[in-house]
Amino acid sequence: MAEMIGFTVAARQPRLLRSNTRRLAILLFLAYSSLITIFQGVQNILLPPVVQRLAPDAKVSTMALLVTLASVTTVISLFVGGSVSDRTQSRWGRRAPSLALSWFAAMILMPVMGIAGSVALLAVAMPLLWFALNYYQSVLLAALPDRIPEDELGFASAAIGLGAPVGIFCGVNLAAFASNTLVGYILLAIPFTILTWTLLLLEPEGSSADMSVLPRQPLSLTSFLAQFSSVRERNFALALASRFLMFLCYFAVNGYMFYIVQDYVGAARVPFGNVAAGVSILLSVMTVTWLVVTIGSGYFADRIARTALVVAFASFAAAIVTLLPAASARWPIMLAFALGIGLTFGAYFVLDLKLATLVLPTPETAGRDLGILLAAGSAPGVISPAIAASIIEAGGYPALFVFGAAVAALAGVCAILIRIAR
């Protein structure tokens, strides 16, 4: 039974069943891939044409509204998912009940998105779906500090990191070739269901029913702010800032990829003259390079002592790559941009996930604190649509790429200041 957030977990942790680390990492990779498949398929392929049909004269601002609403619930759910699962007492463990419930909620909401015939319905369904999916994400990734030994964090982080490019590739291609919107949502839901339950059944956690908790603390502003006490830790705060800035770059630029290809590059310059196919090609190029570099990063991740330094270098490289489309809207430049983003974010995602685990202050609140760091990667989604829309209106798409490069460089500066004892 899940305890309320006001509880504090005591020193005694739940009993975990012995896991095969490699098998657990592979199952986490598969589950995470299926999650990213939904995010990418919906936001990049299924949603933009629907928004354009429902609001043809205000597609950019409408898309910004929907993404902003979804991002608000994302930030909340990442924190709540970690906090609630930290305090869950059940025979199935701390995390499994939350994974199952969030999966169930997503399965209800995805068909609703598929049949939505108004912006108002999308404005309700999309934030709720994003809440369920990101709650799931927070709980899923808590397996890293919970169940992975520190000397194998690099391998496990790389395995989960592979889920991003694989999910992007599967998501955009499943959605792009669906016969209609509802079928697209069904196709995205199938692997999510199969792989979630494969993880839950093949790698159970063990009981947390006898986990010790302290008495409930009264709800107050002080007790609420205490949930964010980890931010006072220097390394944690720098990792938080670096992650926020890096994902601000990613969301601001890639969140408008459909419209960038349509309005900046132009359908006439895209292969087959098809905007959706053009987006699919760019994201597929990004995926393949992301996949290759993630495999390489995974091999070296557990051998790299200066993880924060390498994260900083990846951020600086991403800043350089993001400047390329500002100079030209030609299709080959966009392909080079996709290639560079795949390389830099592939390395960044693996090592930053390891870094996030290394800067967690205590294991007792690992889910909560990891949720805060994950929220720092999703919070830019709250502000990036409005920022990006304003920049596009004022300076066009080239200005958007310049902005993305600037914040990626600042992310590198924050990462290079992190000091972890070796």
Protein backbone atom coordinates (compact mmCIF):
# COMPACT_ATOMS: atom_id res chain seq x y z
CA MET A 1 0.00 0.00 0.00
CA ALA A 2 1.46 3.39 -0.99
CA GLU A 3 2.14 5.72 1.91
CA MET A 4 1.51 9.46 1.64
CA ILE A 5 4.32 11.77 0.54
CA GLY A 6 4.56 13.20 4.05
CA PHE A 7 6.37 10.05 5.24
CA THR A 8 10.14 9.82 5.39
CA VAL A 9 11.83 6.52 4.59
CA ALA A 10 13.98 5.25 7.41
CA ALA A 11 17.39 3.61 7.08
CA ARG A 12 16.05 0.11 6.56
CA GLN A 13 15.41 -0.39 2.85
CA PRO A 14 13.10 -2.93 1.19
CA ARG A 15 14.45 -6.40 0.54
CA LEU A 16 15.40 -6.78 -3.12
CA LEU A 17 15.49 -10.07 -4.96
CA ARG A 18 18.87 -10.97 -6.42
CA SER A 19 18.99 -9.75 -10.01
CA ASN A 20 21.13 -10.55 -12.99
CA THR A 21 22.40 -7.03 -13.69
CA ARG A 22 22.83 -7.57 -17.42
CA ARG A 23 19.36 -9.08 -17.81
CA LEU A 24 17.78 -6.31 -15.74
CA ALA A 25 19.59 -3.67 -17.81
CA ILE A 26 18.32 -5.23 -21.05
CA LEU A 27 14.74 -5.33 -19.76
CA LEU A 28 15.01 -1.70 -18.62
CA PHE A 29 16.29 -0.81 -22.10
CA LEU A 30 13.32 -2.50 -23.75
CA ALA A 31 10.75 -0.88 -21.45
CA TYR A 32 12.37 2.54 -21.82
CA SER A 33 12.48 2.13 -25.62
CA SER A 34 8.75 1.47 -25.70
CA LEU A 35 8.15 4.60 -23.60
CA ILE A 36 10.21 6.83 -25.90
CA THR A 37 8.41 5.25 -28.87
CA ILE A 38 5.17 6.77 -27.60
CA PHE A 39 6.63 10.21 -26.86
CA GLN A 40 8.31 10.55 -30.24
CA GLY A 41 5.56 9.02 -32.34
CA VAL A 42 2.91 11.26 -30.79
CA GLN A 43 4.75 14.59 -30.64
CA ASN A 44 6.65 14.40 -33.94
CA ILE A 45 4.25 12.53 -36.23
CA LEU A 46 0.72 11.97 -34.93
CA LEU A 47 -0.02 15.27 -33.19
CA PRO A 48 1.23 18.05 -35.56
CA PRO A 49 -1.06 17.19 -38.52
CA VAL A 50 -4.06 16.99 -36.19
CA VAL A 51 -3.22 20.38 -34.70
CA GLN A 52 -2.77 21.82 -38.19
CA ARG A 53 -6.18 20.47 -39.22
CA LEU A 54 -7.97 21.71 -36.10
CA ALA A 55 -6.21 25.11 -35.91
CA PRO A 56 -4.72 25.87 -39.37
CA ASP A 57 -4.19 29.58 -38.67
CA ALA A 58 -2.68 29.11 -35.21
CA LYS A 59 -0.80 25.83 -35.45
CA VAL A 60 2.43 27.08 -33.81
CA SER A 61 0.72 28.73 -30.84
CA THR A 62 -1.70 25.81 -30.42
CA MET A 63 1.14 23.30 -30.48
CA ALA A 64 2.98 25.48 -27.96
CA LEU A 65 -0.07 25.48 -25.68
CA LEU A 66 -0.47 21.70 -25.80
CA VAL A 67 3.22 21.01 -25.21
CA THR A 68 3.34 23.55 -22.38
CA LEU A 69 0.35 21.99 -20.61
CA ALA A 70 1.83 18.53 -21.06
CA SER A 71 5.20 19.71 -19.79
CA VAL A 72 3.68 21.15 -16.61
CA THR A 73 2.20 17.78 -15.75
CA THR A 74 5.50 16.14 -16.75
CA VAL A 75 7.49 18.07 -14.16
CA ILE A 76 4.94 17.29 -11.46
CA SER A 77 4.69 13.59 -12.32
CA LEU A 78 8.45 12.99 -12.40
CA PHE A 79 8.74 14.29 -8.86
CA VAL A 80 5.57 12.60 -7.57
CA GLY A 81 6.43 9.25 -9.17
CA GLY A 82 9.79 9.06 -7.45
CA SER A 83 8.47 10.31 -4.12
CA VAL A 84 5.43 8.03 -3.94
CA SER A 85 7.34 4.93 -5.04
CA ASP A 86 10.09 5.67 -2.48
CA ARG A 87 7.41 5.25 0.19
CA THR A 88 5.37 2.41 -1.30
CA GLN A 89 4.96 -0.63 0.95
CA SER A 90 3.73 -3.71 -0.90
CA ARG A 91 4.50 -7.38 -1.39
CA TRP A 92 5.54 -6.50 -4.98
CA GLY A 93 8.11 -3.86 -3.98
CA ARG A 94 8.36 -0.09 -4.07
CA ARG A 95 8.33 0.49 -7.84
CA ALA A 96 6.21 -2.26 -9.44
CA PRO A 97 2.77 -1.01 -8.29
CA SER A 98 3.46 2.46 -9.67
CA LEU A 99 4.71 1.04 -12.98
CA ALA A 100 1.57 -1.06 -13.39
CA LEU A 101 -0.83 1.76 -12.48
CA SER A 102 0.82 4.32 -14.75
CA TRP A 103 0.81 1.81 -17.63
CA PHE A 104 -2.92 1.26 -17.09
CA ALA A 105 -3.64 5.00 -17.12
CA ALA A 106 -1.69 5.44 -20.37
CA MET A 107 -3.64 2.63 -22.03
CA ILE A 108 -6.89 4.45 -21.27
CA LEU A 109 -5.68 7.86 -22.46
CA MET A 110 -3.99 6.89 -25.74
CA PRO A 111 -7.22 5.91 -27.58
CA VAL A 112 -8.77 9.17 -26.36
CA MET A 113 -5.93 11.07 -28.04
CA GLY A 114 -6.46 9.00 -31.17
CA ILE A 115 -10.11 10.02 -31.58
CA ALA A 116 -9.83 13.61 -30.29
CA GLY A 117 -11.69 15.96 -32.63
CA SER A 118 -11.08 19.28 -30.90
CA VAL A 119 -8.23 21.27 -29.43
CA ALA A 120 -10.11 21.36 -26.11
CA LEU A 121 -10.12 17.56 -25.83
CA LEU A 122 -6.43 17.41 -26.77
CA ALA A 123 -5.71 20.05 -24.11
CA VAL A 124 -7.18 17.70 -21.49
CA ALA A 125 -6.01 14.31 -22.78
CA MET A 126 -2.41 15.14 -23.69
CA PRO A 127 -1.38 16.55 -20.25
CA LEU A 128 -2.98 13.54 -18.54
CA LEU A 129 -1.21 11.12 -20.88
CA TRP A 130 2.12 12.88 -20.35
CA PHE A 131 1.55 12.72 -16.57
CA ALA A 132 1.03 8.93 -16.71
CA LEU A 133 4.00 8.31 -19.03
CA ASN A 134 6.43 10.47 -17.08
CA TYR A 135 5.30 9.03 -13.76
CA TYR A 136 6.21 5.68 -15.34
CA GLN A 137 9.59 7.05 -16.46
CA SER A 138 10.52 8.32 -13.01
CA VAL A 139 9.69 4.99 -11.38
CA LEU A 140 11.37 2.95 -14.12
CA LEU A 141 14.71 4.78 -13.89
CA ALA A 142 14.76 4.50 -10.09
CA ALA A 143 15.98 0.95 -10.74
CA LEU A 144 19.44 2.41 -11.41
CA PRO A 145 20.19 3.57 -7.85
CA ASP A 146 17.99 0.81 -6.38
CA ARG A 147 19.34 -2.27 -8.10
CA ILE A 148 22.49 -1.58 -10.14
CA PRO A 149 25.97 -1.77 -8.49
CA GLU A 150 28.04 1.39 -8.92
CA ASP A 151 30.73 -0.40 -10.94
CA GLU A 152 28.09 -1.40 -13.51
CA LEU A 153 26.22 1.90 -13.69
CA GLY A 154 27.90 2.76 -16.98
CA PHE A 155 26.69 -0.42 -18.66
CA ALA A 156 23.15 -0.01 -17.32
CA SER A 157 23.06 3.69 -18.22
CA ALA A 158 24.22 2.85 -21.74
CA ALA A 159 21.54 0.16 -22.03
CA ILE A 160 18.84 2.63 -21.01
CA GLY A 161 20.48 5.27 -23.20
CA LEU A 162 20.01 2.99 -26.19
CA GLY A 163 16.30 3.20 -25.49
CA ALA A 164 16.20 6.81 -26.66
CA PRO A 165 17.42 6.31 -30.26
CA VAL A 166 15.63 2.99 -30.62
CA GLY A 167 12.44 4.59 -29.31
CA ILE A 168 12.79 7.55 -31.66
CA PHE A 169 13.32 5.27 -34.66
CA CYS A 170 10.44 2.97 -33.79
CA GLY A 171 8.11 5.78 -32.77
CA VAL A 172 8.43 7.96 -35.88
CA ASN A 173 8.30 5.03 -38.26
CA LEU A 174 5.39 3.22 -36.63
CA ALA A 175 3.42 6.46 -36.49
CA ALA A 176 4.42 7.72 -39.95
CA PHE A 177 3.17 4.60 -41.71
CA ALA A 178 -0.02 4.08 -39.70
CA SER A 179 -3.18 4.16 -41.83
CA ASN A 180 -4.83 6.69 -39.51
CA THR A 181 -4.26 8.47 -36.20
CA LEU A 182 -6.07 5.96 -33.99
CA VAL A 183 -4.18 3.05 -35.56
CA GLY A 184 -0.96 4.97 -34.88
CA TYR A 185 -1.75 5.15 -31.16
CA ILE A 186 -2.63 1.45 -31.07
CA LEU A 187 0.66 0.54 -32.76
CA LEU A 188 2.57 2.60 -30.18
CA ALA A 189 0.69 0.98 -27.28
CA ILE A 190 1.43 -2.63 -28.22
CA PRO A 191 5.21 -2.74 -27.50
CA PHE A 192 4.70 -0.59 -24.38
CA THR A 193 2.30 -3.17 -22.95
CA ILE A 194 4.37 -6.24 -23.85
CA LEU A 195 7.68 -4.86 -22.58
CA THR A 196 6.31 -3.35 -19.37
CA TRP A 197 4.87 -6.67 -18.26
CA THR A 198 7.94 -8.58 -19.39
CA LEU A 199 10.01 -6.43 -17.02
CA LEU A 200 7.57 -6.79 -14.14
CA LEU A 201 7.26 -10.55 -14.45
CA LEU A 202 10.86 -11.51 -15.24
CA GLU A 203 12.60 -9.11 -12.81
CA PRO A 204 10.42 -8.72 -9.71
CA GLU A 205 11.72 -6.47 -6.94
CA GLY A 206 10.88 -8.35 -3.79
CA SER A 207 8.69 -7.21 -0.94
CA SER A 208 8.79 -3.76 0.63
CA ALA A 209 5.86 -4.51 2.96
CA ASP A 210 8.06 -4.39 6.06
CA MET A 211 9.97 -1.25 5.03
CA SER A 212 10.36 1.10 7.99
CA VAL A 213 8.84 4.56 7.84
CA LEU A 214 8.80 7.41 10.32
CA PRO A 215 5.53 9.00 11.51
CA ARG A 216 3.69 11.24 9.10
CA GLN A 217 4.93 14.83 9.09
CA PRO A 218 2.32 17.63 9.09
CA LEU A 219 1.74 19.18 5.69
CA SER A 220 3.28 22.65 5.54
CA LEU A 221 5.39 24.85 3.31
CA THR A 222 8.45 23.81 5.33
CA SER A 223 7.81 20.08 4.89
CA PHE A 224 7.13 20.60 1.17
CA LEU A 225 10.36 22.54 0.64
CA ALA A 226 12.23 19.85 2.57
CA GLN A 227 11.47 17.52 -0.34
CA PHE A 228 13.92 19.62 -2.38
CA SER A 229 16.70 19.69 0.23
CA SER A 230 19.08 17.87 -2.12
CA VAL A 231 19.34 21.02 -4.25
CA ARG A 232 21.55 22.48 -1.51
CA GLU A 233 24.23 19.93 -2.44
CA ARG A 234 26.72 21.62 -4.82
CA ASN A 235 27.19 18.73 -7.26
CA PHE A 236 23.48 17.96 -7.32
CA ALA A 237 22.62 21.61 -8.04
CA LEU A 238 25.19 21.86 -10.86
CA ALA A 239 23.97 18.61 -12.42
CA LEU A 240 20.42 19.95 -12.17
CA ALA A 241 21.36 23.20 -13.95
CA SER A 242 23.39 21.43 -16.63
CA ARG A 243 20.59 18.99 -17.40
CA PHE A 244 18.00 21.76 -17.51
CA LEU A 245 20.01 23.85 -19.98
CA MET A 246 20.95 20.94 -22.23
CA PHE A 247 17.38 19.79 -22.58
CA LEU A 248 16.22 23.37 -23.09
CA CYS A 249 18.39 23.31 -26.21
CA TYR A 250 16.91 19.98 -27.30
CA PHE A 251 13.26 20.86 -26.67
CA ALA A 252 13.43 24.36 -28.13
CA VAL A 253 14.88 23.16 -31.44
CA ASN A 254 13.60 19.61 -31.92
CA GLY A 255 10.15 20.34 -30.53
CA TYR A 256 9.39 22.24 -33.74
CA MET A 257 11.04 19.81 -36.16
CA PHE A 258 7.87 19.26 -38.18
CA TYR A 259 7.41 22.98 -38.75
CA ILE A 260 11.14 23.56 -39.29
CA VAL A 261 11.10 21.07 -42.15
CA GLN A 262 7.83 22.40 -43.53
CA ASP A 263 8.38 26.17 -43.21
CA TYR A 264 12.18 26.65 -43.01
CA VAL A 265 13.57 23.90 -45.22
CA GLY A 266 10.49 23.69 -47.43
CA ALA A 267 8.68 20.61 -48.73
CA ALA A 268 10.21 21.13 -52.21
CA ARG A 269 13.71 20.49 -50.77
CA VAL A 270 12.69 17.38 -48.84
CA PRO A 271 12.99 13.91 -50.39
CA PHE A 272 9.68 12.81 -51.94
CA GLY A 273 8.29 16.29 -51.19
CA ASN A 274 6.73 14.84 -48.03
CA VAL A 275 7.22 16.74 -44.76
CA ALA A 276 6.39 13.75 -42.52
CA ALA A 277 8.85 11.61 -44.48
CA GLY A 278 11.47 14.35 -44.15
CA VAL A 279 11.04 14.45 -40.38
CA SER A 280 11.21 10.66 -40.29
CA ILE A 281 14.48 10.70 -42.28
CA LEU A 282 16.10 13.31 -40.03
CA LEU A 283 15.08 11.51 -36.84
CA SER A 284 16.18 8.19 -38.30
CA VAL A 285 19.64 9.59 -39.10
CA MET A 286 19.78 10.98 -35.58
CA THR A 287 18.74 7.59 -34.24
CA VAL A 288 21.35 5.54 -36.07
CA THR A 289 24.23 7.80 -34.99
CA TRP A 290 22.81 8.01 -31.46
CA LEU A 291 22.68 4.22 -31.39
CA VAL A 292 26.29 3.79 -32.55
CA VAL A 293 27.76 6.33 -30.15
CA THR A 294 25.68 4.98 -27.25
CA ILE A 295 27.18 1.54 -27.74
CA GLY A 296 30.68 3.07 -27.70
CA SER A 297 29.85 5.23 -24.68
CA GLY A 298 28.51 2.20 -22.85
CA TYR A 299 31.81 0.37 -23.32
CA PHE A 300 33.84 3.22 -21.86
CA ALA A 301 31.33 4.58 -19.32
CA ASP A 302 32.46 2.37 -16.45
CA ARG A 303 36.12 3.13 -17.28
CA ILE A 304 35.76 6.93 -17.31
CA ALA A 305 36.74 8.54 -14.02
CA ARG A 306 35.94 12.14 -15.05
CA THR A 307 32.33 11.61 -16.04
CA ALA A 308 31.37 15.26 -15.50
CA LEU A 309 34.19 16.46 -17.78
CA VAL A 310 33.08 14.22 -20.64
CA VAL A 311 29.48 15.38 -20.15
CA ALA A 312 30.74 18.96 -20.51
CA PHE A 313 32.58 18.17 -23.75
CA ALA A 314 29.43 16.56 -25.18
CA SER A 315 27.48 19.72 -24.32
CA PHE A 316 30.00 21.99 -26.03
CA ALA A 317 29.98 19.76 -29.13
CA ALA A 318 26.16 19.89 -29.22
CA ALA A 319 26.35 23.70 -29.14
CA ILE A 320 28.56 23.73 -32.24
CA VAL A 321 26.33 21.29 -34.12
CA THR A 322 23.18 23.26 -33.31
CA LEU A 323 24.62 26.33 -35.04
CA LEU A 324 24.79 24.57 -38.44
CA PRO A 325 21.16 25.09 -39.57
CA ALA A 326 21.34 28.75 -38.56
CA ALA A 327 23.70 29.27 -41.50
CA SER A 328 21.64 27.43 -44.13
CA ALA A 329 18.27 25.71 -44.59
CA ARG A 330 19.62 23.34 -47.22
CA TRP A 331 18.67 19.69 -46.82
CA PRO A 332 22.31 18.44 -46.60
CA ILE A 333 22.89 20.86 -43.69
CA MET A 334 19.85 19.48 -41.90
CA LEU A 335 21.19 15.97 -42.42
CA ALA A 336 24.54 17.06 -40.93
CA PHE A 337 22.65 18.61 -38.01
CA ALA A 338 20.75 15.36 -37.39
CA LEU A 339 24.00 13.39 -37.57
CA GLY A 340 25.73 15.73 -35.10
CA ILE A 341 22.82 15.78 -32.64
CA GLY A 342 22.77 11.98 -32.69
CA LEU A 343 26.48 11.83 -31.90
CA THR A 344 26.52 14.47 -29.17
CA PHE A 345 23.25 13.62 -27.43
CA GLY A 346 24.03 9.91 -27.67
CA ALA A 347 27.21 10.38 -25.65
CA TYR A 348 25.59 12.98 -23.39
CA PHE A 349 22.53 10.91 -22.50
CA VAL A 350 24.49 7.86 -21.37
CA LEU A 351 27.07 9.72 -19.31
CA ASP A 352 24.62 12.26 -17.88
CA LEU A 353 22.38 9.44 -16.65
CA LYS A 354 25.39 7.90 -14.90
CA LEU A 355 26.34 11.34 -13.54
CA ALA A 356 22.80 11.88 -12.24
CA THR A 357 23.04 8.62 -10.29
CA LEU A 358 26.47 9.53 -8.87
CA VAL A 359 25.33 12.91 -7.48
CA LEU A 360 22.31 11.50 -5.57
CA PRO A 361 22.83 12.40 -1.89
CA THR A 362 21.23 9.34 -0.20
CA PRO A 363 19.74 5.97 -1.24
CA GLU A 364 16.71 6.48 1.02
CA THR A 365 15.35 9.22 -1.25
CA ALA A 366 16.90 8.03 -4.50
CA GLY A 367 13.59 7.91 -6.36
CA ARG A 368 12.62 11.41 -5.25
CA ASP A 369 16.00 12.96 -6.05
CA LEU A 370 16.35 11.17 -9.38
CA GLY A 371 12.84 12.39 -10.15
CA ILE A 372 13.97 15.96 -9.48
CA LEU A 373 16.88 15.54 -11.89
CA LEU A 374 14.60 13.97 -14.49
CA ALA A 375 12.20 16.86 -14.00
CA ALA A 376 15.08 19.23 -14.73
CA GLY A 377 15.34 17.53 -18.11
CA SER A 378 11.60 17.86 -18.72
CA ALA A 379 10.94 21.28 -17.18
CA PRO A 380 12.32 23.04 -20.28
CA GLY A 381 9.28 21.66 -22.07
CA VAL A 382 7.17 24.00 -19.94
CA ILE A 383 8.94 27.15 -21.10
CA SER A 384 10.55 26.13 -24.41
CA PRO A 385 7.36 26.31 -26.54
CA ALA A 386 6.71 29.93 -25.53
CA ILE A 387 10.40 30.82 -25.83
CA ALA A 388 10.75 29.09 -29.20
CA ALA A 389 7.54 30.62 -30.57
CA SER A 390 8.71 34.10 -29.51
CA ILE A 391 12.14 33.59 -31.05
CA ILE A 392 10.63 32.28 -34.31
CA GLU A 393 8.29 35.28 -34.50
CA ALA A 394 11.09 37.76 -33.79
CA GLY A 395 14.07 36.32 -35.67
CA GLY A 396 12.90 33.28 -37.58
CA TYR A 397 14.21 29.75 -37.34
CA PRO A 398 17.93 30.72 -37.58
CA ALA A 399 17.59 32.66 -34.31
CA LEU A 400 16.10 29.55 -32.68
CA PHE A 401 19.20 27.52 -33.56
CA VAL A 402 21.50 30.24 -32.19
CA PHE A 403 19.55 30.23 -28.92
CA GLY A 404 19.84 26.44 -28.69
CA ALA A 405 23.59 26.58 -29.18
CA ALA A 406 23.99 29.22 -26.45
CA VAL A 407 22.14 27.28 -23.76
CA ALA A 408 23.97 24.04 -24.66
CA ALA A 409 27.27 25.84 -24.11
CA LEU A 410 26.07 27.06 -20.69
CA ALA A 411 25.15 23.46 -19.84
CA GLY A 412 28.75 22.48 -20.54
CA VAL A 413 30.03 25.19 -18.20
CA CYS A 414 27.85 23.87 -15.34
CA ALA A 415 28.97 20.26 -15.93
CA ILE A 416 32.65 21.13 -15.95
CA LEU A 417 32.30 22.62 -12.44
CA ILE A 418 31.05 19.33 -10.91
CA ARG A 419 33.60 17.64 -8.65
CA ILE A 420 33.11 14.01 -7.65
CA ALA A 421 35.62 12.27 -5.39
CA ARG A 422 37.37 9.37 -7.09
